[in-house]
């Protein structure tokens, strides 16, 4: 678990606010919505799949959110997953958002 900081908390709060695309009826695979860049509601099974490292270990974890990236280098955008009550969400960050995240999280290494 990473130590929290105000700048990072503010960034995460901003990036996880707003409307999310709901889970479409009958959806079996949320991958396209997760990687789209839009905030997507996902089911608990999908959230747990990524949180438990089944697609690769999360790069950073806090109490209610974590960062996943399948990239080996830190400068390539990843996905923020978060939980709000009994709802789960994911959003792939664009390059600008990712750079803000890297600065807020004070990540200085080049490789995960």
PDB file of N, CA and C in Angstrom:
ATOM      1  N   UNK A   1       0.843  -1.170   0.000  1.00  0.00           N
ATOM      2  CA  UNK A   1       0.000   0.000   0.000  1.00  0.00           C
ATOM      3  C   UNK A   1       0.894   1.241   0.000  1.00  0.00           C
ATOM      4  N   UNK A   2       0.614   2.168  -0.888  1.00  0.00           N
ATOM      5  CA  UNK A   2       1.391   3.392  -0.984  1.00  0.00           C
ATOM      6  C   UNK A   2       0.911   4.421   0.038  1.00  0.00           C
ATOM      7  N   UNK A   3       1.820   5.261   0.490  1.00  0.00           N
ATOM      8  CA  UNK A   3       1.462   6.344   1.397  1.00  0.00           C
ATOM      9  C   UNK A   3       0.697   7.400   0.606  1.00  0.00           C
ATOM     10  N   UNK A   4      -0.369   7.915   1.177  1.00  0.00           N
ATOM     11  CA  UNK A   4      -1.221   8.893   0.507  1.00  0.00           C
ATOM     12  C   UNK A   4      -0.607  10.290   0.594  1.00  0.00           C
ATOM     13  N   UNK A   5      -0.968  11.145  -0.359  1.00  0.00           N
ATOM     14  CA  UNK A   5      -0.599  12.555  -0.277  1.00  0.00           C
ATOM     15  C   UNK A   5      -1.749  13.389  -0.822  1.00  0.00           C
ATOM     16  N   UNK A   6      -1.827  14.643  -0.388  1.00  0.00           N
ATOM     17  CA  UNK A   6      -2.962  15.504  -0.720  1.00  0.00           C
ATOM     18  C   UNK A   6      -3.095  15.732  -2.219  1.00  0.00           C
ATOM     19  N   UNK A   7      -1.994  15.966  -2.899  1.00  0.00           N
ATOM     20  CA  UNK A   7      -2.041  16.219  -4.343  1.00  0.00           C
ATOM     21  C   UNK A   7      -2.584  14.999  -5.090  1.00  0.00           C
ATOM     22  N   UNK A   8      -2.120  13.835  -4.700  1.00  0.00           N
ATOM     23  CA  UNK A   8      -2.599  12.601  -5.318  1.00  0.00           C
ATOM     24  C   UNK A   8      -4.069  12.367  -4.986  1.00  0.00           C
ATOM     25  N   UNK A   9      -4.439  12.574  -3.731  1.00  0.00           N
ATOM     26  CA  UNK A   9      -5.842  12.409  -3.330  1.00  0.00           C
ATOM     27  C   UNK A   9      -6.752  13.329  -4.134  1.00  0.00           C
ATOM     28  N   UNK A  10      -6.319  14.579  -4.338  1.00  0.00           N
ATOM     29  CA  UNK A  10      -7.105  15.539  -5.115  1.00  0.00           C
ATOM     30  C   UNK A  10      -7.231  15.082  -6.564  1.00  0.00           C
ATOM     31  N   UNK A  11      -6.138  14.634  -7.158  1.00  0.00           N
ATOM     32  CA  UNK A  11      -6.175  14.152  -8.539  1.00  0.00           C
ATOM     33  C   UNK A  11      -7.142  12.984  -8.675  1.00  0.00           C
ATOM     34  N   UNK A  12      -7.032  12.005  -7.801  1.00  0.00           N
ATOM     35  CA  UNK A  12      -7.905  10.829  -7.865  1.00  0.00           C
ATOM     36  C   UNK A  12      -9.359  11.239  -7.676  1.00  0.00           C
ATOM     37  N   UNK A  13      -9.610  12.148  -6.760  1.00  0.00           N
ATOM     38  CA  UNK A  13     -10.973  12.627  -6.529  1.00  0.00           C
ATOM     39  C   UNK A  13     -11.548  13.263  -7.793  1.00  0.00           C
ATOM     40  N   UNK A  14     -10.748  14.070  -8.475  1.00  0.00           N
ATOM     41  CA  UNK A  14     -11.204  14.732  -9.703  1.00  0.00           C
ATOM     42  C   UNK A  14     -11.416  13.733 -10.835  1.00  0.00           C
ATOM     43  N   UNK A  15     -10.499  12.815 -11.009  1.00  0.00           N
ATOM     44  CA  UNK A  15     -10.559  11.884 -12.142  1.00  0.00           C
ATOM     45  C   UNK A  15     -11.673  10.850 -11.967  1.00  0.00           C
ATOM     46  N   UNK A  16     -12.073  10.600 -10.725  1.00  0.00           N
ATOM     47  CA  UNK A  16     -13.111   9.599 -10.471  1.00  0.00           C
ATOM     48  C   UNK A  16     -14.491  10.214 -10.266  1.00  0.00           C
ATOM     49  N   UNK A  17     -14.601  11.521 -10.447  1.00  0.00           N
ATOM     50  CA  UNK A  17     -15.914  12.158 -10.306  1.00  0.00           C
ATOM     51  C   UNK A  17     -16.608  12.201 -11.669  1.00  0.00           C
ATOM     52  N   UNK A  18     -17.878  12.487 -11.657  1.00  0.00           N
ATOM     53  CA  UNK A  18     -18.626  12.580 -12.902  1.00  0.00           C
ATOM     54  C   UNK A  18     -19.427  11.330 -13.199  1.00  0.00           C
ATOM     55  N   UNK A  19     -20.105  11.376 -14.324  1.00  0.00           N
ATOM     56  CA  UNK A  19     -20.982  10.283 -14.735  1.00  0.00           C
ATOM     57  C   UNK A  19     -20.185   9.126 -15.332  1.00  0.00           C
ATOM     58  N   UNK A  20     -20.680   7.945 -15.093  1.00  0.00           N
ATOM     59  CA  UNK A  20     -20.070   6.735 -15.656  1.00  0.00           C
ATOM     60  C   UNK A  20     -21.061   6.045 -16.577  1.00  0.00           C
ATOM     61  N   UNK A  21     -20.540   5.460 -17.640  1.00  0.00           N
ATOM     62  CA  UNK A  21     -21.384   4.650 -18.518  1.00  0.00           C
ATOM     63  C   UNK A  21     -21.798   3.402 -17.744  1.00  0.00           C
ATOM     64  N   UNK A  22     -23.113   3.136 -17.659  1.00  0.00           N
ATOM     65  CA  UNK A  22     -23.567   1.962 -16.908  1.00  0.00           C
ATOM     66  C   UNK A  22     -23.202   0.660 -17.621  1.00  0.00           C
ATOM     67  N   UNK A  23     -23.261  -0.411 -16.878  1.00  0.00           N
ATOM     68  CA  UNK A  23     -23.006  -1.731 -17.449  1.00  0.00           C
ATOM     69  C   UNK A  23     -24.156  -2.076 -18.394  1.00  0.00           C
ATOM     70  N   UNK A  24     -23.873  -2.314 -19.672  1.00  0.00           N
ATOM     71  CA  UNK A  24     -24.939  -2.679 -20.603  1.00  0.00           C
ATOM     72  C   UNK A  24     -25.559  -4.024 -20.226  1.00  0.00           C
ATOM     73  N   UNK A  25     -26.863  -4.173 -20.429  1.00  0.00           N
ATOM     74  CA  UNK A  25     -27.510  -5.459 -20.133  1.00  0.00           C
ATOM     75  C   UNK A  25     -26.840  -6.592 -20.919  1.00  0.00           C
ATOM     76  N   UNK A  26     -26.538  -7.662 -20.236  1.00  0.00           N
ATOM     77  CA  UNK A  26     -25.966  -8.834 -20.884  1.00  0.00           C
ATOM     78  C   UNK A  26     -24.485  -8.746 -21.207  1.00  0.00           C
ATOM     79  N   UNK A  27     -23.812  -7.688 -20.765  1.00  0.00           N
ATOM     80  CA  UNK A  27     -22.387  -7.553 -21.069  1.00  0.00           C
ATOM     81  C   UNK A  27     -21.591  -8.702 -20.454  1.00  0.00           C
ATOM     82  N   UNK A  28     -20.762  -9.326 -21.260  1.00  0.00           N
ATOM     83  CA  UNK A  28     -19.933 -10.426 -20.784  1.00  0.00           C
ATOM     84  C   UNK A  28     -18.471 -10.002 -20.631  1.00  0.00           C
ATOM     85  N   UNK A  29     -18.069  -8.978 -21.372  1.00  0.00           N
ATOM     86  CA  UNK A  29     -16.679  -8.538 -21.356  1.00  0.00           C
ATOM     87  C   UNK A  29     -16.634  -7.012 -21.378  1.00  0.00           C
ATOM     88  N   UNK A  30     -16.076  -6.417 -20.351  1.00  0.00           N
ATOM     89  CA  UNK A  30     -16.045  -4.958 -20.225  1.00  0.00           C
ATOM     90  C   UNK A  30     -14.764  -4.342 -20.789  1.00  0.00           C
ATOM     91  N   UNK A  31     -13.896  -5.141 -21.392  1.00  0.00           N
ATOM     92  CA  UNK A  31     -12.585  -4.659 -21.833  1.00  0.00           C
ATOM     93  C   UNK A  31     -12.646  -3.426 -22.729  1.00  0.00           C
ATOM     94  N   UNK A  32     -13.516  -3.427 -23.734  1.00  0.00           N
ATOM     95  CA  UNK A  32     -13.590  -2.274 -24.636  1.00  0.00           C
ATOM     96  C   UNK A  32     -13.955  -1.009 -23.880  1.00  0.00           C
ATOM     97  N   UNK A  33     -14.894  -1.113 -22.956  1.00  0.00           N
ATOM     98  CA  UNK A  33     -15.300   0.070 -22.191  1.00  0.00           C
ATOM     99  C   UNK A  33     -14.202   0.500 -21.222  1.00  0.00           C
ATOM    100  N   UNK A  34     -13.501  -0.458 -20.628  1.00  0.00           N
ATOM    101  CA  UNK A  34     -12.420  -0.129 -19.696  1.00  0.00           C
ATOM    102  C   UNK A  34     -11.307   0.633 -20.411  1.00  0.00           C
ATOM    103  N   UNK A  35     -10.945   0.199 -21.598  1.00  0.00           N
ATOM    104  CA  UNK A  35      -9.824   0.802 -22.322  1.00  0.00           C
ATOM    105  C   UNK A  35     -10.221   2.025 -23.140  1.00  0.00           C
ATOM    106  N   UNK A  36     -11.502   2.399 -23.147  1.00  0.00           N
ATOM    107  CA  UNK A  36     -11.984   3.485 -24.004  1.00  0.00           C
ATOM    108  C   UNK A  36     -11.529   4.869 -23.573  1.00  0.00           C
ATOM    109  N   UNK A  37     -11.247   5.070 -22.299  1.00  0.00           N
ATOM    110  CA  UNK A  37     -10.910   6.401 -21.798  1.00  0.00           C
ATOM    111  C   UNK A  37     -12.082   7.074 -21.113  1.00  0.00           C
ATOM    112  N   UNK A  38     -13.280   6.542 -21.313  1.00  0.00           N
ATOM    113  CA  UNK A  38     -14.466   7.062 -20.626  1.00  0.00           C
ATOM    114  C   UNK A  38     -14.629   6.318 -19.302  1.00  0.00           C
ATOM    115  N   UNK A  39     -15.254   6.969 -18.344  1.00  0.00           N
ATOM    116  CA  UNK A  39     -15.518   6.309 -17.071  1.00  0.00           C
ATOM    117  C   UNK A  39     -16.585   5.246 -17.277  1.00  0.00           C
ATOM    118  N   UNK A  40     -16.268   4.030 -16.896  1.00  0.00           N
ATOM    119  CA  UNK A  40     -17.174   2.901 -17.108  1.00  0.00           C
ATOM    120  C   UNK A  40     -17.475   2.204 -15.791  1.00  0.00           C
ATOM    121  N   UNK A  41     -18.754   1.977 -15.541  1.00  0.00           N
ATOM    122  CA  UNK A  41     -19.115   1.129 -14.409  1.00  0.00           C
ATOM    123  C   UNK A  41     -18.790  -0.307 -14.809  1.00  0.00           C
ATOM    124  N   UNK A  42     -18.217  -1.053 -13.888  1.00  0.00           N
ATOM    125  CA  UNK A  42     -17.886  -2.451 -14.149  1.00  0.00           C
ATOM    126  C   UNK A  42     -18.429  -3.307 -13.013  1.00  0.00           C
ATOM    127  N   UNK A  43     -18.464  -4.605 -13.225  1.00  0.00           N
ATOM    128  CA  UNK A  43     -18.965  -5.474 -12.155  1.00  0.00           C
ATOM    129  C   UNK A  43     -17.834  -5.831 -11.182  1.00  0.00           C
ATOM    130  N   UNK A  44     -18.222  -6.385 -10.053  1.00  0.00           N
ATOM    131  CA  UNK A  44     -17.256  -6.724  -9.009  1.00  0.00           C
ATOM    132  C   UNK A  44     -16.246  -7.764  -9.486  1.00  0.00           C
ATOM    133  N   UNK A  45     -16.690  -8.706 -10.306  1.00  0.00           N
ATOM    134  CA  UNK A  45     -15.788  -9.751 -10.803  1.00  0.00           C
ATOM    135  C   UNK A  45     -14.662  -9.152 -11.648  1.00  0.00           C
ATOM    136  N   UNK A  46     -14.989  -8.183 -12.499  1.00  0.00           N
ATOM    137  CA  UNK A  46     -13.973  -7.535 -13.332  1.00  0.00           C
ATOM    138  C   UNK A  46     -13.005  -6.741 -12.465  1.00  0.00           C
ATOM    139  N   UNK A  47     -13.543  -5.980 -11.518  1.00  0.00           N
ATOM    140  CA  UNK A  47     -12.718  -5.211 -10.587  1.00  0.00           C
ATOM    141  C   UNK A  47     -11.758  -6.145  -9.846  1.00  0.00           C
ATOM    142  N   UNK A  48     -12.283  -7.226  -9.315  1.00  0.00           N
ATOM    143  CA  UNK A  48     -11.475  -8.183  -8.554  1.00  0.00           C
ATOM    144  C   UNK A  48     -10.421  -8.857  -9.421  1.00  0.00           C
ATOM    145  N   UNK A  49     -10.764  -9.142 -10.675  1.00  0.00           N
ATOM    146  CA  UNK A  49      -9.818  -9.756 -11.602  1.00  0.00           C
ATOM    147  C   UNK A  49      -8.545  -8.915 -11.698  1.00  0.00           C
ATOM    148  N   UNK A  50      -8.712  -7.605 -11.882  1.00  0.00           N
ATOM    149  CA  UNK A  50      -7.560  -6.709 -11.986  1.00  0.00           C
ATOM    150  C   UNK A  50      -6.917  -6.458 -10.626  1.00  0.00           C
ATOM    151  N   UNK A  51      -7.718  -6.289  -9.581  1.00  0.00           N
ATOM    152  CA  UNK A  51      -7.189  -6.004  -8.239  1.00  0.00           C
ATOM    153  C   UNK A  51      -6.333  -7.149  -7.713  1.00  0.00           C
ATOM    154  N   UNK A  52      -6.706  -8.365  -8.044  1.00  0.00           N
ATOM    155  CA  UNK A  52      -5.979  -9.540  -7.542  1.00  0.00           C
ATOM    156  C   UNK A  52      -4.783  -9.915  -8.410  1.00  0.00           C
ATOM    157  N   UNK A  53      -4.513  -9.110  -9.439  1.00  0.00           N
ATOM    158  CA  UNK A  53      -3.322  -9.326 -10.249  1.00  0.00           C
ATOM    159  C   UNK A  53      -3.448 -10.367 -11.332  1.00  0.00           C
ATOM    160  N   UNK A  54      -4.657 -10.760 -11.688  1.00  0.00           N
ATOM    161  CA  UNK A  54      -4.838 -11.778 -12.726  1.00  0.00           C
ATOM    162  C   UNK A  54      -4.400 -11.307 -14.112  1.00  0.00           C
ATOM    163  N   UNK A  55      -4.356  -9.987 -14.321  1.00  0.00           N
ATOM    164  CA  UNK A  55      -3.885  -9.441 -15.594  1.00  0.00           C
ATOM    165  C   UNK A  55      -2.493  -8.839 -15.439  1.00  0.00           C
ATOM    166  N   UNK A  56      -1.900  -9.027 -14.280  1.00  0.00           N
ATOM    167  CA  UNK A  56      -0.629  -8.404 -13.910  1.00  0.00           C
ATOM    168  C   UNK A  56      -0.855  -7.603 -12.639  1.00  0.00           C
ATOM    169  N   UNK A  57       0.152  -7.495 -11.840  1.00  0.00           N
ATOM    170  CA  UNK A  57       0.012  -6.833 -10.540  1.00  0.00           C
ATOM    171  C   UNK A  57      -0.344  -5.355 -10.690  1.00  0.00           C
ATOM    172  N   UNK A  58      -1.268  -4.858  -9.856  1.00  0.00           N
ATOM    173  CA  UNK A  58      -1.538  -3.413  -9.847  1.00  0.00           C
ATOM    174  C   UNK A  58      -0.241  -2.662  -9.538  1.00  0.00           C
ATOM    175  N   UNK A  59      -0.080  -1.499 -10.141  1.00  0.00           N
ATOM    176  CA  UNK A  59       1.150  -0.726  -9.977  1.00  0.00           C
ATOM    177  C   UNK A  59       1.131   0.132  -8.723  1.00  0.00           C
ATOM    178  N   UNK A  60      -0.048   0.515  -8.272  1.00  0.00           N
ATOM    179  CA  UNK A  60      -0.203   1.303  -7.058  1.00  0.00           C
ATOM    180  C   UNK A  60      -1.580   1.005  -6.500  1.00  0.00           C
ATOM    181  N   UNK A  61      -1.670   0.852  -5.178  1.00  0.00           N
ATOM    182  CA  UNK A  61      -2.965   0.556  -4.550  1.00  0.00           C
ATOM    183  C   UNK A  61      -3.184   1.462  -3.344  1.00  0.00           C
ATOM    184  N   UNK A  62      -4.418   1.917  -3.202  1.00  0.00           N
ATOM    185  CA  UNK A  62      -4.877   2.646  -2.022  1.00  0.00           C
ATOM    186  C   UNK A  62      -6.125   1.929  -1.526  1.00  0.00           C
ATOM    187  N   UNK A  63      -6.770   2.486  -0.517  1.00  0.00           N
ATOM    188  CA  UNK A  63      -7.930   1.820   0.076  1.00  0.00           C
ATOM    189  C   UNK A  63      -9.055   1.552  -0.912  1.00  0.00           C
ATOM    190  N   UNK A  64      -9.407   2.537  -1.729  1.00  0.00           N
ATOM    191  CA  UNK A  64     -10.576   2.399  -2.603  1.00  0.00           C
ATOM    192  C   UNK A  64     -10.249   2.497  -4.091  1.00  0.00           C
ATOM    193  N   UNK A  65      -8.970   2.531  -4.455  1.00  0.00           N
ATOM    194  CA  UNK A  65      -8.587   2.598  -5.867  1.00  0.00           C
ATOM    195  C   UNK A  65      -7.228   1.933  -6.087  1.00  0.00           C
ATOM    196  N   UNK A  66      -6.968   1.621  -7.366  1.00  0.00           N
ATOM    197  CA  UNK A  66      -5.648   1.117  -7.743  1.00  0.00           C
ATOM    198  C   UNK A  66      -5.374   1.450  -9.197  1.00  0.00           C
ATOM    199  N   UNK A  67      -4.107   1.417  -9.555  1.00  0.00           N
ATOM    200  CA  UNK A  67      -3.665   1.676 -10.925  1.00  0.00           C
ATOM    201  C   UNK A  67      -3.197   0.364 -11.534  1.00  0.00           C
ATOM    202  N   UNK A  68      -3.671   0.108 -12.736  1.00  0.00           N
ATOM    203  CA  UNK A  68      -3.225  -1.051 -13.504  1.00  0.00           C
ATOM    204  C   UNK A  68      -2.587  -0.543 -14.798  1.00  0.00           C
ATOM    205  N   UNK A  69      -1.503  -1.158 -15.188  1.00  0.00           N
ATOM    206  CA  UNK A  69      -0.889  -0.888 -16.484  1.00  0.00           C
ATOM    207  C   UNK A  69      -0.240  -2.170 -16.975  1.00  0.00           C
ATOM    208  N   UNK A  70      -0.419  -2.454 -18.243  1.00  0.00           N
ATOM    209  CA  UNK A  70       0.255  -3.615 -18.823  1.00  0.00           C
ATOM    210  C   UNK A  70       1.553  -3.201 -19.518  1.00  0.00           C
ATOM    211  N   UNK A  71       1.922  -1.932 -19.346  1.00  0.00           N
ATOM    212  CA  UNK A  71       3.159  -1.413 -19.927  1.00  0.00           C
ATOM    213  C   UNK A  71       4.330  -1.669 -18.989  1.00  0.00           C
ATOM    214  N   UNK A  72       5.511  -1.776 -19.544  1.00  0.00           N
ATOM    215  CA  UNK A  72       6.715  -1.961 -18.729  1.00  0.00           C
ATOM    216  C   UNK A  72       7.321  -0.624 -18.303  1.00  0.00           C
ATOM    217  N   UNK A  73       7.039   0.427 -19.085  1.00  0.00           N
ATOM    218  CA  UNK A  73       7.584   1.747 -18.779  1.00  0.00           C
ATOM    219  C   UNK A  73       6.522   2.613 -18.114  1.00  0.00           C
ATOM    220  N   UNK A  74       6.973   3.424 -17.181  1.00  0.00           N
ATOM    221  CA  UNK A  74       6.069   4.233 -16.370  1.00  0.00           C
ATOM    222  C   UNK A  74       5.375   5.326 -17.177  1.00  0.00           C
ATOM    223  N   UNK A  75       6.015   5.827 -18.250  1.00  0.00           N
ATOM    224  CA  UNK A  75       5.435   6.975 -18.950  1.00  0.00           C
ATOM    225  C   UNK A  75       4.264   6.631 -19.874  1.00  0.00           C
ATOM    226  N   UNK A  76       3.869   5.377 -19.951  1.00  0.00           N
ATOM    227  CA  UNK A  76       2.719   4.979 -20.766  1.00  0.00           C
ATOM    228  C   UNK A  76       1.465   4.902 -19.898  1.00  0.00           C
ATOM    229  N   UNK A  77       0.353   5.501 -20.344  1.00  0.00           N
ATOM    230  CA  UNK A  77      -0.861   5.576 -19.517  1.00  0.00           C
ATOM    231  C   UNK A  77      -1.404   4.221 -19.072  1.00  0.00           C
ATOM    232  N   UNK A  78      -1.999   4.252 -17.904  1.00  0.00           N
ATOM    233  CA  UNK A  78      -2.636   3.079 -17.329  1.00  0.00           C
ATOM    234  C   UNK A  78      -4.103   3.353 -17.035  1.00  0.00           C
ATOM    235  N   UNK A  79      -4.690   2.490 -16.241  1.00  0.00           N
ATOM    236  CA  UNK A  79      -6.116   2.558 -15.914  1.00  0.00           C
ATOM    237  C   UNK A  79      -6.269   2.702 -14.414  1.00  0.00           C
ATOM    238  N   UNK A  80      -7.149   3.597 -14.007  1.00  0.00           N
ATOM    239  CA  UNK A  80      -7.493   3.699 -12.594  1.00  0.00           C
ATOM    240  C   UNK A  80      -8.797   2.922 -12.385  1.00  0.00           C
ATOM    241  N   UNK A  81      -8.799   2.061 -11.404  1.00  0.00           N
ATOM    242  CA  UNK A  81      -9.982   1.309 -10.984  1.00  0.00           C
ATOM    243  C   UNK A  81     -10.347   1.816  -9.600  1.00  0.00           C
ATOM    244  N   UNK A  82     -11.641   1.974  -9.334  1.00  0.00           N
ATOM    245  CA  UNK A  82     -12.037   2.406  -8.006  1.00  0.00           C
ATOM    246  C   UNK A  82     -13.387   1.840  -7.613  1.00  0.00           C
ATOM    247  N   UNK A  83     -13.613   1.894  -6.323  1.00  0.00           N
ATOM    248  CA  UNK A  83     -14.857   1.395  -5.739  1.00  0.00           C
ATOM    249  C   UNK A  83     -15.523   2.541  -4.998  1.00  0.00           C
ATOM    250  N   UNK A  84     -16.841   2.641  -5.155  1.00  0.00           N
ATOM    251  CA  UNK A  84     -17.637   3.622  -4.431  1.00  0.00           C
ATOM    252  C   UNK A  84     -18.839   2.876  -3.878  1.00  0.00           C
ATOM    253  N   UNK A  85     -18.777   2.525  -2.601  1.00  0.00           N
ATOM    254  CA  UNK A  85     -19.841   1.710  -2.015  1.00  0.00           C
ATOM    255  C   UNK A  85     -19.823   0.333  -2.643  1.00  0.00           C
ATOM    256  N   UNK A  86     -20.970  -0.061  -3.204  1.00  0.00           N
ATOM    257  CA  UNK A  86     -21.039  -1.374  -3.854  1.00  0.00           C
ATOM    258  C   UNK A  86     -20.959  -1.273  -5.375  1.00  0.00           C
ATOM    259  N   UNK A  87     -20.445  -0.148  -5.878  1.00  0.00           N
ATOM    260  CA  UNK A  87     -20.255   0.034  -7.312  1.00  0.00           C
ATOM    261  C   UNK A  87     -18.763   0.091  -7.627  1.00  0.00           C
ATOM    262  N   UNK A  88     -18.422  -0.351  -8.834  1.00  0.00           N
ATOM    263  CA  UNK A  88     -17.033  -0.433  -9.267  1.00  0.00           C
ATOM    264  C   UNK A  88     -16.891   0.268 -10.611  1.00  0.00           C
ATOM    265  N   UNK A  89     -15.733   0.915 -10.813  1.00  0.00           N
ATOM    266  CA  UNK A  89     -15.528   1.720 -12.010  1.00  0.00           C
ATOM    267  C   UNK A  89     -14.097   1.571 -12.522  1.00  0.00           C
ATOM    268  N   UNK A  90     -13.914   1.935 -13.793  1.00  0.00           N
ATOM    269  CA  UNK A  90     -12.583   1.943 -14.401  1.00  0.00           C
ATOM    270  C   UNK A  90     -12.524   3.067 -15.424  1.00  0.00           C
ATOM    271  N   UNK A  91     -11.320   3.619 -15.585  1.00  0.00           N
ATOM    272  CA  UNK A  91     -11.116   4.666 -16.587  1.00  0.00           C
ATOM    273  C   UNK A  91      -9.660   4.652 -17.019  1.00  0.00           C
ATOM    274  N   UNK A  92      -9.452   4.493 -18.308  1.00  0.00           N
ATOM    275  CA  UNK A  92      -8.091   4.588 -18.848  1.00  0.00           C
ATOM    276  C   UNK A  92      -7.749   6.064 -18.943  1.00  0.00           C
ATOM    277  N   UNK A  93      -6.594   6.424 -18.423  1.00  0.00           N
ATOM    278  CA  UNK A  93      -6.165   7.812 -18.445  1.00  0.00           C
ATOM    279  C   UNK A  93      -5.498   8.134 -19.772  1.00  0.00           C
ATOM    280  N   UNK A  94      -5.725   9.365 -20.263  1.00  0.00           N
ATOM    281  CA  UNK A  94      -5.017   9.792 -21.465  1.00  0.00           C
ATOM    282  C   UNK A  94      -3.614  10.260 -21.054  1.00  0.00           C
ATOM    283  N   UNK A  95      -2.803  10.629 -22.019  1.00  0.00           N
ATOM    284  CA  UNK A  95      -1.404  10.965 -21.721  1.00  0.00           C
ATOM    285  C   UNK A  95      -1.295  12.148 -20.762  1.00  0.00           C
ATOM    286  N   UNK A  96      -2.099  13.183 -20.962  1.00  0.00           N
ATOM    287  CA  UNK A  96      -2.060  14.355 -20.085  1.00  0.00           C
ATOM    288  C   UNK A  96      -2.468  13.984 -18.657  1.00  0.00           C
ATOM    289  N   UNK A  97      -3.537  13.241 -18.523  1.00  0.00           N
ATOM    290  CA  UNK A  97      -3.987  12.794 -17.201  1.00  0.00           C
ATOM    291  C   UNK A  97      -2.925  11.912 -16.546  1.00  0.00           C
ATOM    292  N   UNK A  98      -2.309  11.042 -17.343  1.00  0.00           N
ATOM    293  CA  UNK A  98      -1.286  10.147 -16.813  1.00  0.00           C
ATOM    294  C   UNK A  98      -0.082  10.933 -16.289  1.00  0.00           C
ATOM    295  N   UNK A  99       0.340  11.942 -17.036  1.00  0.00           N
ATOM    296  CA  UNK A  99       1.463  12.767 -16.589  1.00  0.00           C
ATOM    297  C   UNK A  99       1.128  13.481 -15.282  1.00  0.00           C
ATOM    298  N   UNK A 100      -0.101  13.952 -15.145  1.00  0.00           N
ATOM    299  CA  UNK A 100      -0.534  14.575 -13.886  1.00  0.00           C
ATOM    300  C   UNK A 100      -0.531  13.550 -12.754  1.00  0.00           C
ATOM    301  N   UNK A 101      -0.972  12.338 -13.052  1.00  0.00           N
ATOM    302  CA  UNK A 101      -0.954  11.283 -12.043  1.00  0.00           C
ATOM    303  C   UNK A 101       0.481  10.986 -11.599  1.00  0.00           C
ATOM    304  N   UNK A 102       1.395  10.829 -12.546  1.00  0.00           N
ATOM    305  CA  UNK A 102       2.791  10.518 -12.236  1.00  0.00           C
ATOM    306  C   UNK A 102       3.391  11.595 -11.329  1.00  0.00           C
ATOM    307  N   UNK A 103       3.103  12.862 -11.642  1.00  0.00           N
ATOM    308  CA  UNK A 103       3.615  13.958 -10.807  1.00  0.00           C
ATOM    309  C   UNK A 103       2.979  13.933  -9.425  1.00  0.00           C
ATOM    310  N   UNK A 104       1.660  13.774  -9.375  1.00  0.00           N
ATOM    311  CA  UNK A 104       0.956  13.767  -8.089  1.00  0.00           C
ATOM    312  C   UNK A 104       1.400  12.595  -7.224  1.00  0.00           C
ATOM    313  N   UNK A 105       1.651  11.457  -7.851  1.00  0.00           N
ATOM    314  CA  UNK A 105       2.063  10.256  -7.114  1.00  0.00           C
ATOM    315  C   UNK A 105       3.561  10.257  -6.796  1.00  0.00           C
ATOM    316  N   UNK A 106       4.275  11.236  -7.349  1.00  0.00           N
ATOM    317  CA  UNK A 106       5.722  11.378  -7.117  1.00  0.00           C
ATOM    318  C   UNK A 106       6.494  10.135  -7.558  1.00  0.00           C
ATOM    319  N   UNK A 107       6.100   9.628  -8.726  1.00  0.00           N
ATOM    320  CA  UNK A 107       6.779   8.450  -9.279  1.00  0.00           C
ATOM    321  C   UNK A 107       7.971   8.931 -10.097  1.00  0.00           C
ATOM    322  N   UNK A 108       9.155   8.483  -9.741  1.00  0.00           N
ATOM    323  CA  UNK A 108      10.363   8.943 -10.429  1.00  0.00           C
ATOM    324  C   UNK A 108      11.068   7.831 -11.209  1.00  0.00           C
ATOM    325  N   UNK A 109      10.675   6.592 -11.004  1.00  0.00           N
ATOM    326  CA  UNK A 109      11.323   5.498 -11.736  1.00  0.00           C
ATOM    327  C   UNK A 109      10.830   5.453 -13.180  1.00  0.00           C
ATOM    328  N   UNK A 110      11.606   4.843 -14.052  1.00  0.00           N
ATOM    329  CA  UNK A 110      11.247   4.761 -15.469  1.00  0.00           C
ATOM    330  C   UNK A 110      10.539   3.465 -15.828  1.00  0.00           C
ATOM    331  N   UNK A 111      10.756   2.433 -15.035  1.00  0.00           N
ATOM    332  CA  UNK A 111      10.168   1.128 -15.312  1.00  0.00           C
ATOM    333  C   UNK A 111       9.377   0.642 -14.108  1.00  0.00           C
ATOM    334  N   UNK A 112       8.301  -0.067 -14.370  1.00  0.00           N
ATOM    335  CA  UNK A 112       7.536  -0.660 -13.277  1.00  0.00           C
ATOM    336  C   UNK A 112       8.322  -1.823 -12.799  1.00  0.00           C
TER     337      UNK A 112
END
